[in-house]
All heavy atoms as atom14 arrays in JSON, in Angstrom:
{
  "sequence": "LSCAASGSVFSILGWYRQAPGKERELVATMTLLTTTKYADSVKGRFTI",
  "atom14_mask": [
    [1, 1, 1, 1, 1, 1, 1, 1, 0, 0, 0, 0, 0, 0],
    [1, 1, 1, 1, 1, 1, 0, 0, 0, 0, 0, 0, 0, 0],
    [1, 1, 1, 1, 1, 1, 0, 0, 0, 0, 0, 0, 0, 0],
    [1, 1, 1, 1, 1, 0, 0, 0, 0, 0, 0, 0, 0, 0],
    [1, 1, 1, 1, 1, 0, 0, 0, 0, 0, 0, 0, 0, 0],
    [1, 1, 1, 1, 1, 1, 0, 0, 0, 0, 0, 0, 0, 0],
    [1, 1, 1, 1, 0, 0, 0, 0, 0, 0, 0, 0, 0, 0],
    [1, 1, 1, 1, 1, 1, 0, 0, 0, 0, 0, 0, 0, 0],
    [1, 1, 1, 1, 1, 1, 1, 0, 0, 0, 0, 0, 0, 0],
    [1, 1, 1, 1, 1, 1, 1, 1, 1, 1, 1, 0, 0, 0],
    [1, 1, 1, 1, 1, 1, 0, 0, 0, 0, 0, 0, 0, 0],
    [1, 1, 1, 1, 1, 1, 1, 1, 0, 0, 0, 0, 0, 0],
    [1, 1, 1, 1, 1, 1, 1, 1, 0, 0, 0, 0, 0, 0],
    [1, 1, 1, 1, 0, 0, 0, 0, 0, 0, 0, 0, 0, 0],
    [1, 1, 1, 1, 1, 1, 1, 1, 1, 1, 1, 1, 1, 1],
    [1, 1, 1, 1, 1, 1, 1, 1, 1, 1, 1, 1, 0, 0],
    [1, 1, 1, 1, 1, 1, 1, 1, 1, 1, 1, 0, 0, 0],
    [1, 1, 1, 1, 1, 1, 1, 1, 1, 0, 0, 0, 0, 0],
    [1, 1, 1, 1, 1, 0, 0, 0, 0, 0, 0, 0, 0, 0],
    [1, 1, 1, 1, 1, 1, 1, 0, 0, 0, 0, 0, 0, 0],
    [1, 1, 1, 1, 0, 0, 0, 0, 0, 0, 0, 0, 0, 0],
    [1, 1, 1, 1, 1, 1, 1, 1, 1, 0, 0, 0, 0, 0],
    [1, 1, 1, 1, 1, 1, 1, 1, 1, 0, 0, 0, 0, 0],
    [1, 1, 1, 1, 1, 1, 1, 1, 1, 1, 1, 0, 0, 0],
    [1, 1, 1, 1, 1, 1, 1, 1, 1, 0, 0, 0, 0, 0],
    [1, 1, 1, 1, 1, 1, 1, 1, 0, 0, 0, 0, 0, 0],
    [1, 1, 1, 1, 1, 1, 1, 0, 0, 0, 0, 0, 0, 0],
    [1, 1, 1, 1, 1, 0, 0, 0, 0, 0, 0, 0, 0, 0],
    [1, 1, 1, 1, 1, 1, 1, 0, 0, 0, 0, 0, 0, 0],
    [1, 1, 1, 1, 1, 1, 1, 1, 0, 0, 0, 0, 0, 0],
    [1, 1, 1, 1, 1, 1, 1, 0, 0, 0, 0, 0, 0, 0],
    [1, 1, 1, 1, 1, 1, 1, 1, 0, 0, 0, 0, 0, 0],
    [1, 1, 1, 1, 1, 1, 1, 1, 0, 0, 0, 0, 0, 0],
    [1, 1, 1, 1, 1, 1, 1, 0, 0, 0, 0, 0, 0, 0],
    [1, 1, 1, 1, 1, 1, 1, 0, 0, 0, 0, 0, 0, 0],
    [1, 1, 1, 1, 1, 1, 1, 0, 0, 0, 0, 0, 0, 0],
    [1, 1, 1, 1, 1, 1, 1, 1, 1, 0, 0, 0, 0, 0],
    [1, 1, 1, 1, 1, 1, 1, 1, 1, 1, 1, 1, 0, 0],
    [1, 1, 1, 1, 1, 0, 0, 0, 0, 0, 0, 0, 0, 0],
    [1, 1, 1, 1, 1, 1, 1, 1, 0, 0, 0, 0, 0, 0],
    [1, 1, 1, 1, 1, 1, 0, 0, 0, 0, 0, 0, 0, 0],
    [1, 1, 1, 1, 1, 1, 1, 0, 0, 0, 0, 0, 0, 0],
    [1, 1, 1, 1, 1, 1, 1, 1, 1, 0, 0, 0, 0, 0],
    [1, 1, 1, 1, 0, 0, 0, 0, 0, 0, 0, 0, 0, 0],
    [1, 1, 1, 1, 1, 1, 1, 1, 1, 1, 1, 0, 0, 0],
    [1, 1, 1, 1, 1, 1, 1, 1, 1, 1, 1, 0, 0, 0],
    [1, 1, 1, 1, 1, 1, 1, 0, 0, 0, 0, 0, 0, 0],
    [1, 1, 1, 1, 1, 1, 1, 1, 0, 0, 0, 0, 0, 0]
  ],
  "atom14_positions": [
    [[10.69, -67.52, -208.02], [11.77, -67.72, -208.98], [11.88, -69.2, -209.32], [11.66, -70.06, -208.47], [13.09, -67.23, -208.4], [13.15, -65.78, -207.91], [14.56, -65.46, -207.43], [12.72, -64.81, -208.99], [0.0, 0.0, 0.0], [0.0, 0.0, 0.0], [0.0, 0.0, 0.0], [0.0, 0.0, 0.0], [0.0, 0.0, 0.0], [0.0, 0.0, 0.0]],
    [[12.28, -69.46, -210.55], [12.52, -70.82, -211.0], [13.9, -70.91, -211.64], [14.38, -69.94, -212.23], [11.48, -71.24, -212.06], [10.18, -71.21, -211.54], [0.0, 0.0, 0.0], [0.0, 0.0, 0.0], [0.0, 0.0, 0.0], [0.0, 0.0, 0.0], [0.0, 0.0, 0.0], [0.0, 0.0, 0.0], [0.0, 0.0, 0.0], [0.0, 0.0, 0.0]],
    [[14.53, -72.05, -211.49], [15.83, -72.29, -212.11], [15.8, -73.68, -212.72], [15.73, -74.68, -211.99], [16.95, -72.17, -211.1], [18.56, -72.69, -211.75], [0.0, 0.0, 0.0], [0.0, 0.0, 0.0], [0.0, 0.0, 0.0], [0.0, 0.0, 0.0], [0.0, 0.0, 0.0], [0.0, 0.0, 0.0], [0.0, 0.0, 0.0], [0.0, 0.0, 0.0]],
    [[15.85, -73.72, -214.05], [15.87, -75.0, -214.75], [17.32, -75.39, -215.01], [18.04, -74.66, -215.7], [15.1, -74.87, -216.06], [0.0, 0.0, 0.0], [0.0, 0.0, 0.0], [0.0, 0.0, 0.0], [0.0, 0.0, 0.0], [0.0, 0.0, 0.0], [0.0, 0.0, 0.0], [0.0, 0.0, 0.0], [0.0, 0.0, 0.0], [0.0, 0.0, 0.0]],
    [[17.72, -76.52, -214.44], [19.08, -77.0, -214.59], [19.12, -78.12, -215.62], [18.18, -78.91, -215.73], [19.61, -77.5, -213.26], [0.0, 0.0, 0.0], [0.0, 0.0, 0.0], [0.0, 0.0, 0.0], [0.0, 0.0, 0.0], [0.0, 0.0, 0.0], [0.0, 0.0, 0.0], [0.0, 0.0, 0.0], [0.0, 0.0, 0.0], [0.0, 0.0, 0.0]],
    [[20.2, -78.19, -216.37], [20.35, -79.25, -217.37], [21.81, -79.6, -217.55], [22.7, -78.83, -217.17], [19.75, -78.8, -218.71], [20.41, -77.65, -219.19], [0.0, 0.0, 0.0], [0.0, 0.0, 0.0], [0.0, 0.0, 0.0], [0.0, 0.0, 0.0], [0.0, 0.0, 0.0], [0.0, 0.0, 0.0], [0.0, 0.0, 0.0], [0.0, 0.0, 0.0]],
    [[22.06, -80.78, -218.08], [23.41, -81.19, -218.39], [24.12, -81.96, -217.3], [25.23, -82.45, -217.52], [0.0, 0.0, 0.0], [0.0, 0.0, 0.0], [0.0, 0.0, 0.0], [0.0, 0.0, 0.0], [0.0, 0.0, 0.0], [0.0, 0.0, 0.0], [0.0, 0.0, 0.0], [0.0, 0.0, 0.0], [0.0, 0.0, 0.0], [0.0, 0.0, 0.0]],
    [[23.52, -82.08, -216.12], [24.14, -82.82, -215.04], [23.1, -83.06, -213.95], [22.0, -82.51, -213.99], [25.32, -82.03, -214.46], [26.01, -82.81, -213.5], [0.0, 0.0, 0.0], [0.0, 0.0, 0.0], [0.0, 0.0, 0.0], [0.0, 0.0, 0.0], [0.0, 0.0, 0.0], [0.0, 0.0, 0.0], [0.0, 0.0, 0.0], [0.0, 0.0, 0.0]],
    [[23.5, -83.9, -212.99], [22.7, -84.06, -211.78], [23.38, -83.25, -210.69], [24.6, -83.33, -210.51], [22.59, -85.53, -211.37], [21.8, -85.65, -210.07], [21.92, -86.33, -212.48], [0.0, 0.0, 0.0], [0.0, 0.0, 0.0], [0.0, 0.0, 0.0], [0.0, 0.0, 0.0], [0.0, 0.0, 0.0], [0.0, 0.0, 0.0], [0.0, 0.0, 0.0]],
    [[22.59, -82.49, -209.95], [23.14, -81.57, -208.97], [22.85, -82.03, -207.56], [21.7, -82.22, -207.19], [22.57, -80.17, -209.2], [22.95, -79.59, -210.53], [22.18, -79.83, -211.65], [24.08, -78.81, -210.65], [22.53, -79.31, -212.88], [24.44, -78.27, -211.87], [23.66, -78.52, -212.99], [0.0, 0.0, 0.0], [0.0, 0.0, 0.0], [0.0, 0.0, 0.0]],
    [[23.9, -82.19, -206.78], [23.71, -82.58, -205.38], [23.1, -81.43, -204.59], [22.32, -81.64, -203.67], [25.03, -83.01, -204.76], [25.98, -81.96, -204.85], [0.0, 0.0, 0.0], [0.0, 0.0, 0.0], [0.0, 0.0, 0.0], [0.0, 0.0, 0.0], [0.0, 0.0, 0.0], [0.0, 0.0, 0.0], [0.0, 0.0, 0.0], [0.0, 0.0, 0.0]],
    [[23.48, -80.23, -204.94], [22.95, -79.04, -204.26], [22.5, -78.04, -205.31], [23.22, -77.76, -206.27], [24.01, -78.37, -203.36], [24.57, -79.35, -202.34], [23.41, -77.16, -202.64], [25.75, -78.82, -201.56], [0.0, 0.0, 0.0], [0.0, 0.0, 0.0], [0.0, 0.0, 0.0], [0.0, 0.0, 0.0], [0.0, 0.0, 0.0], [0.0, 0.0, 0.0]],
    [[21.32, -77.52, -205.14], [20.82, -76.41, -205.93], [20.41, -75.3, -204.98], [19.86, -75.58, -203.91], [19.63, -76.82, -206.79], [19.93, -77.64, -208.04], [18.64, -78.17, -208.66], [20.7, -76.82, -209.06], [0.0, 0.0, 0.0], [0.0, 0.0, 0.0], [0.0, 0.0, 0.0], [0.0, 0.0, 0.0], [0.0, 0.0, 0.0], [0.0, 0.0, 0.0]],
    [[20.69, -74.08, -205.37], [20.35, -73.02, -204.45], [20.3, -71.65, -205.11], [20.5, -71.51, -206.32], [0.0, 0.0, 0.0], [0.0, 0.0, 0.0], [0.0, 0.0, 0.0], [0.0, 0.0, 0.0], [0.0, 0.0, 0.0], [0.0, 0.0, 0.0], [0.0, 0.0, 0.0], [0.0, 0.0, 0.0], [0.0, 0.0, 0.0], [0.0, 0.0, 0.0]],
    [[20.03, -70.68, -204.27], [19.89, -69.29, -204.69], [20.82, -68.4, -203.9], [20.94, -68.54, -202.68], [18.44, -68.82, -204.49], [17.48, -69.54, -205.37], [16.75, -70.65, -205.07], [17.14, -69.19, -206.72], [15.99, -71.02, -206.14], [16.2, -70.13, -207.17], [17.52, -68.17, -207.59], [15.66, -70.08, -208.44], [16.97, -68.12, -208.85], [16.05, -69.07, -209.27]],
    [[21.47, -67.5, -204.61], [22.29, -66.46, -204.03], [21.8, -65.13, -204.6], [21.1, -65.1, -205.59], [23.76, -66.68, -204.4], [24.39, -67.86, -203.69], [24.01, -69.17, -203.98], [25.38, -67.67, -202.73], [24.56, -70.24, -203.32], [25.96, -68.75, -202.06], [25.54, -70.03, -202.38], [26.1, -71.09, -201.72], [0.0, 0.0, 0.0], [0.0, 0.0, 0.0]],
    [[22.2, -64.04, -203.95], [21.81, -62.73, -204.46], [22.93, -61.73, -204.27], [23.77, -61.88, -203.39], [20.53, -62.24, -203.79], [20.67, -61.91, -202.31], [19.3, -61.57, -201.71], [19.41, -61.24, -200.29], [18.37, -61.04, -199.49], [17.12, -61.15, -199.98], [18.54, -60.75, -198.21], [0.0, 0.0, 0.0], [0.0, 0.0, 0.0], [0.0, 0.0, 0.0]],
    [[22.9, -60.72, -205.12], [23.9, -59.66, -205.02], [23.23, -58.33, -205.26], [22.67, -58.07, -206.33], [25.02, -59.88, -206.04], [26.17, -58.92, -205.89], [27.4, -59.36, -206.68], [27.32, -60.16, -207.6], [28.55, -58.84, -206.29], [0.0, 0.0, 0.0], [0.0, 0.0, 0.0], [0.0, 0.0, 0.0], [0.0, 0.0, 0.0], [0.0, 0.0, 0.0]],
    [[23.28, -57.5, -204.24], [22.74, -56.15, -204.33], [23.85, -55.21, -204.79], [25.04, -55.51, -204.61], [22.19, -55.71, -202.98], [0.0, 0.0, 0.0], [0.0, 0.0, 0.0], [0.0, 0.0, 0.0], [0.0, 0.0, 0.0], [0.0, 0.0, 0.0], [0.0, 0.0, 0.0], [0.0, 0.0, 0.0], [0.0, 0.0, 0.0], [0.0, 0.0, 0.0]],
    [[23.5, -54.05, -205.34], [24.53, -53.1, -205.81], [25.48, -52.72, -204.7], [25.07, -52.37, -203.58], [23.7, -51.9, -206.27], [22.39, -52.47, -206.64], [22.15, -53.59, -205.67], [0.0, 0.0, 0.0], [0.0, 0.0, 0.0], [0.0, 0.0, 0.0], [0.0, 0.0, 0.0], [0.0, 0.0, 0.0], [0.0, 0.0, 0.0], [0.0, 0.0, 0.0]],
    [[26.77, -52.84, -204.98], [27.79, -52.46, -204.01], [28.02, -53.45, -202.91], [28.8, -53.18, -201.98], [0.0, 0.0, 0.0], [0.0, 0.0, 0.0], [0.0, 0.0, 0.0], [0.0, 0.0, 0.0], [0.0, 0.0, 0.0], [0.0, 0.0, 0.0], [0.0, 0.0, 0.0], [0.0, 0.0, 0.0], [0.0, 0.0, 0.0], [0.0, 0.0, 0.0]],
    [[27.36, -54.6, -202.99], [27.52, -55.62, -201.94], [28.04, -56.92, -202.54], [27.95, -57.15, -203.74], [26.19, -55.86, -201.23], [25.69, -54.66, -200.45], [24.47, -55.03, -199.63], [24.0, -53.86, -198.77], [22.83, -54.22, -197.93], [0.0, 0.0, 0.0], [0.0, 0.0, 0.0], [0.0, 0.0, 0.0], [0.0, 0.0, 0.0], [0.0, 0.0, 0.0]],
    [[28.55, -57.79, -201.66], [29.02, -59.08, -202.1], [27.85, -60.03, -202.32], [26.78, -59.86, -201.73], [29.99, -59.67, -201.07], [31.29, -58.9, -200.93], [32.28, -59.61, -200.02], [31.9, -60.63, -199.42], [33.42, -59.14, -199.92], [0.0, 0.0, 0.0], [0.0, 0.0, 0.0], [0.0, 0.0, 0.0], [0.0, 0.0, 0.0], [0.0, 0.0, 0.0]],
    [[28.08, -61.02, -203.16], [27.06, -62.04, -203.38], [26.9, -62.85, -202.09], [27.89, -63.22, -201.44], [27.46, -62.95, -204.54], [26.36, -63.85, -205.05], [26.77, -64.57, -206.31], [27.02, -63.64, -207.41], [27.26, -64.04, -208.67], [27.26, -65.33, -208.97], [27.49, -63.14, -209.6], [0.0, 0.0, 0.0], [0.0, 0.0, 0.0], [0.0, 0.0, 0.0]],
    [[25.64, -63.13, -201.73], [25.38, -63.83, -200.48], [24.41, -64.99, -200.71], [23.57, -64.95, -201.62], [24.8, -62.88, -199.44], [23.47, -62.27, -199.82], [22.89, -61.38, -198.71], [23.53, -61.19, -197.67], [21.75, -60.9, -198.92], [0.0, 0.0, 0.0], [0.0, 0.0, 0.0], [0.0, 0.0, 0.0], [0.0, 0.0, 0.0], [0.0, 0.0, 0.0]],
    [[24.52, -65.98, -199.84], [23.62, -67.12, -199.89], [22.22, -66.68, -199.47], [22.06, -65.92, -198.51], [24.13, -68.22, -198.96], [23.29, -69.48, -198.84], [24.2, -70.69, -198.62], [22.29, -69.4, -197.71], [0.0, 0.0, 0.0], [0.0, 0.0, 0.0], [0.0, 0.0, 0.0], [0.0, 0.0, 0.0], [0.0, 0.0, 0.0], [0.0, 0.0, 0.0]],
    [[21.22, -67.18, -200.19], [19.83, -66.97, -199.81], [19.25, -68.29, -199.27], [18.76, -68.34, -198.15], [18.99, -66.49, -201.01], [17.52, -66.36, -200.61], [19.52, -65.15, -201.53], [0.0, 0.0, 0.0], [0.0, 0.0, 0.0], [0.0, 0.0, 0.0], [0.0, 0.0, 0.0], [0.0, 0.0, 0.0], [0.0, 0.0, 0.0], [0.0, 0.0, 0.0]],
    [[19.33, -69.34, -200.07], [18.81, -70.63, -199.65], [19.37, -71.72, -200.54], [19.61, -71.49, -201.73], [17.28, -70.65, -199.73], [0.0, 0.0, 0.0], [0.0, 0.0, 0.0], [0.0, 0.0, 0.0], [0.0, 0.0, 0.0], [0.0, 0.0, 0.0], [0.0, 0.0, 0.0], [0.0, 0.0, 0.0], [0.0, 0.0, 0.0], [0.0, 0.0, 0.0]],
    [[19.59, -72.9, -199.95], [20.04, -74.05, -200.73], [19.27, -75.29, -200.3], [18.72, -75.35, -199.19], [21.54, -74.33, -200.54], [21.8, -74.61, -199.17], [22.39, -73.15, -200.99], [0.0, 0.0, 0.0], [0.0, 0.0, 0.0], [0.0, 0.0, 0.0], [0.0, 0.0, 0.0], [0.0, 0.0, 0.0], [0.0, 0.0, 0.0], [0.0, 0.0, 0.0]],
    [[19.24, -76.27, -201.21], [18.59, -77.52, -200.91], [19.39, -78.66, -201.54], [19.77, -78.58, -202.7], [17.15, -77.55, -201.42], [16.43, -78.86, -201.17], [14.71, -78.85, -201.72], [13.92, -78.22, -200.25], [0.0, 0.0, 0.0], [0.0, 0.0, 0.0], [0.0, 0.0, 0.0], [0.0, 0.0, 0.0], [0.0, 0.0, 0.0], [0.0, 0.0, 0.0]],
    [[19.63, -79.73, -200.77], [20.32, -80.88, -201.29], [19.33, -81.85, -201.94], [18.12, -81.68, -201.83], [21.07, -81.61, -200.17], [20.1, -82.23, -199.31], [21.94, -80.66, -199.36], [0.0, 0.0, 0.0], [0.0, 0.0, 0.0], [0.0, 0.0, 0.0], [0.0, 0.0, 0.0], [0.0, 0.0, 0.0], [0.0, 0.0, 0.0], [0.0, 0.0, 0.0]],
    [[19.89, -82.88, -202.58], [19.05, -83.92, -203.17], [18.19, -84.6, -202.12], [17.08, -85.04, -202.4], [19.92, -84.97, -203.86], [20.19, -84.81, -205.35], [21.12, -85.9, -205.83], [18.9, -84.79, -206.15], [0.0, 0.0, 0.0], [0.0, 0.0, 0.0], [0.0, 0.0, 0.0], [0.0, 0.0, 0.0], [0.0, 0.0, 0.0], [0.0, 0.0, 0.0]],
    [[18.71, -84.67, -200.91], [17.97, -85.28, -199.81], [17.07, -84.29, -199.09], [16.56, -84.56, -198.02], [18.95, -85.93, -198.81], [19.84, -87.02, -199.4], [20.78, -87.59, -198.34], [18.99, -88.13, -200.0], [0.0, 0.0, 0.0], [0.0, 0.0, 0.0], [0.0, 0.0, 0.0], [0.0, 0.0, 0.0], [0.0, 0.0, 0.0], [0.0, 0.0, 0.0]],
    [[16.9, -83.13, -199.71], [16.0, -82.05, -199.27], [16.42, -81.37, -197.98], [15.6, -80.74, -197.31], [14.54, -82.53, -199.15], [14.41, -83.44, -198.06], [14.07, -83.18, -200.44], [0.0, 0.0, 0.0], [0.0, 0.0, 0.0], [0.0, 0.0, 0.0], [0.0, 0.0, 0.0], [0.0, 0.0, 0.0], [0.0, 0.0, 0.0], [0.0, 0.0, 0.0]],
    [[17.68, -81.47, -197.62], [18.18, -80.66, -196.51], [18.28, -79.21, -196.99], [18.83, -78.94, -198.05], [19.55, -81.15, -196.06], [19.44, -82.51, -195.63], [20.08, -80.29, -194.92], [0.0, 0.0, 0.0], [0.0, 0.0, 0.0], [0.0, 0.0, 0.0], [0.0, 0.0, 0.0], [0.0, 0.0, 0.0], [0.0, 0.0, 0.0], [0.0, 0.0, 0.0]],
    [[17.74, -78.31, -196.19], [17.73, -76.91, -196.6], [18.6, -76.05, -195.68], [18.88, -76.39, -194.54], [16.31, -76.33, -196.58], [15.77, -76.47, -195.26], [15.42, -77.05, -197.57], [0.0, 0.0, 0.0], [0.0, 0.0, 0.0], [0.0, 0.0, 0.0], [0.0, 0.0, 0.0], [0.0, 0.0, 0.0], [0.0, 0.0, 0.0], [0.0, 0.0, 0.0]],
    [[18.99, -74.91, -196.25], [19.75, -73.92, -195.5], [19.26, -72.57, -195.96], [19.1, -72.33, -197.16], [21.25, -74.06, -195.78], [22.14, -73.08, -195.04], [23.6, -73.37, -195.34], [24.52, -72.43, -194.61], [25.95, -72.74, -194.88], [0.0, 0.0, 0.0], [0.0, 0.0, 0.0], [0.0, 0.0, 0.0], [0.0, 0.0, 0.0], [0.0, 0.0, 0.0]],
    [[19.01, -71.66, -195.01], [18.51, -70.33, -195.32], [19.37, -69.27, -194.66], [19.87, -69.45, -193.55], [17.07, -70.15, -194.81], [16.03, -70.96, -195.54], [15.63, -72.21, -195.08], [15.41, -70.45, -196.68], [14.66, -72.93, -195.74], [14.43, -71.16, -197.34], [14.07, -72.42, -196.87], [13.08, -73.13, -197.53], [0.0, 0.0, 0.0], [0.0, 0.0, 0.0]],
    [[19.46, -68.14, -195.31], [20.03, -66.96, -194.67], [19.06, -66.5, -193.58], [17.84, -66.59, -193.75], [20.25, -65.85, -195.68], [0.0, 0.0, 0.0], [0.0, 0.0, 0.0], [0.0, 0.0, 0.0], [0.0, 0.0, 0.0], [0.0, 0.0, 0.0], [0.0, 0.0, 0.0], [0.0, 0.0, 0.0], [0.0, 0.0, 0.0], [0.0, 0.0, 0.0]],
    [[19.6, -66.0, -192.48], [18.74, -65.54, -191.38], [17.77, -64.47, -191.85], [16.63, -64.39, -191.37], [19.6, -65.0, -190.24], [20.32, -66.09, -189.48], [19.93, -67.28, -189.61], [21.29, -65.78, -188.76], [0.0, 0.0, 0.0], [0.0, 0.0, 0.0], [0.0, 0.0, 0.0], [0.0, 0.0, 0.0], [0.0, 0.0, 0.0], [0.0, 0.0, 0.0]],
    [[18.2, -63.65, -192.79], [17.38, -62.52, -193.24], [16.13, -62.94, -194.01], [15.22, -62.13, -194.18], [18.22, -61.58, -194.1], [18.72, -62.28, -195.24], [0.0, 0.0, 0.0], [0.0, 0.0, 0.0], [0.0, 0.0, 0.0], [0.0, 0.0, 0.0], [0.0, 0.0, 0.0], [0.0, 0.0, 0.0], [0.0, 0.0, 0.0], [0.0, 0.0, 0.0]],
    [[16.08, -64.19, -194.47], [14.93, -64.62, -195.26], [14.13, -65.73, -194.58], [13.07, -66.12, -195.09], [15.35, -65.08, -196.67], [16.17, -64.01, -197.36], [16.1, -66.41, -196.63], [0.0, 0.0, 0.0], [0.0, 0.0, 0.0], [0.0, 0.0, 0.0], [0.0, 0.0, 0.0], [0.0, 0.0, 0.0], [0.0, 0.0, 0.0], [0.0, 0.0, 0.0]],
    [[14.61, -66.23, -193.46], [13.89, -67.3, -192.76], [12.47, -66.86, -192.42], [12.24, -65.76, -191.93], [14.63, -67.7, -191.49], [15.87, -68.54, -191.74], [16.56, -68.91, -190.43], [17.81, -69.73, -190.69], [18.54, -70.04, -189.43], [0.0, 0.0, 0.0], [0.0, 0.0, 0.0], [0.0, 0.0, 0.0], [0.0, 0.0, 0.0], [0.0, 0.0, 0.0]],
    [[11.52, -67.75, -192.7], [10.12, -67.45, -192.43], [9.43, -66.71, -193.55], [8.2, -66.58, -193.53], [0.0, 0.0, 0.0], [0.0, 0.0, 0.0], [0.0, 0.0, 0.0], [0.0, 0.0, 0.0], [0.0, 0.0, 0.0], [0.0, 0.0, 0.0], [0.0, 0.0, 0.0], [0.0, 0.0, 0.0], [0.0, 0.0, 0.0], [0.0, 0.0, 0.0]],
    [[10.19, -66.21, -194.51], [9.59, -65.47, -195.63], [9.81, -66.18, -196.96], [8.95, -66.14, -197.84], [10.19, -64.07, -195.72], [9.98, -63.22, -194.48], [10.41, -61.77, -194.7], [11.84, -61.66, -195.0], [12.32, -61.09, -196.11], [11.5, -60.61, -197.02], [13.63, -61.0, -196.31], [0.0, 0.0, 0.0], [0.0, 0.0, 0.0], [0.0, 0.0, 0.0]],
    [[10.97, -66.81, -197.12], [11.31, -67.48, -198.37], [11.27, -68.99, -198.16], [11.63, -69.49, -197.09], [12.72, -67.1, -198.83], [12.88, -65.67, -199.29], [11.89, -64.72, -199.1], [14.05, -65.27, -199.9], [12.05, -63.4, -199.52], [14.23, -63.97, -200.33], [13.22, -63.03, -200.13], [0.0, 0.0, 0.0], [0.0, 0.0, 0.0], [0.0, 0.0, 0.0]],
    [[10.89, -69.7, -199.21], [10.87, -71.16, -199.17], [11.5, -71.71, -200.44], [11.09, -71.34, -201.55], [9.44, -71.69, -199.05], [8.83, -71.17, -197.87], [9.46, -73.22, -198.95], [0.0, 0.0, 0.0], [0.0, 0.0, 0.0], [0.0, 0.0, 0.0], [0.0, 0.0, 0.0], [0.0, 0.0, 0.0], [0.0, 0.0, 0.0], [0.0, 0.0, 0.0]],
    [[12.49, -72.56, -200.27], [13.13, -73.2, -201.41], [12.53, -74.59, -201.59], [12.2, -75.28, -200.61], [14.66, -73.28, -201.24], [15.33, -73.75, -202.53], [15.04, -74.16, -200.06], [16.84, -73.6, -202.52], [0.0, 0.0, 0.0], [0.0, 0.0, 0.0], [0.0, 0.0, 0.0], [0.0, 0.0, 0.0], [0.0, 0.0, 0.0], [0.0, 0.0, 0.0]]
  ]
}
């Protein structure tokens, strides 16, 4: 997946997901300083 951002500088960019009937949840985020955070369910499989 790709996300092209415009109109500002973003300290944090990330991905969330929402399955049918479920709440939106964090998948992965990355700061400008490249600090990352992943949901446990995607660790080792997804890379931001």
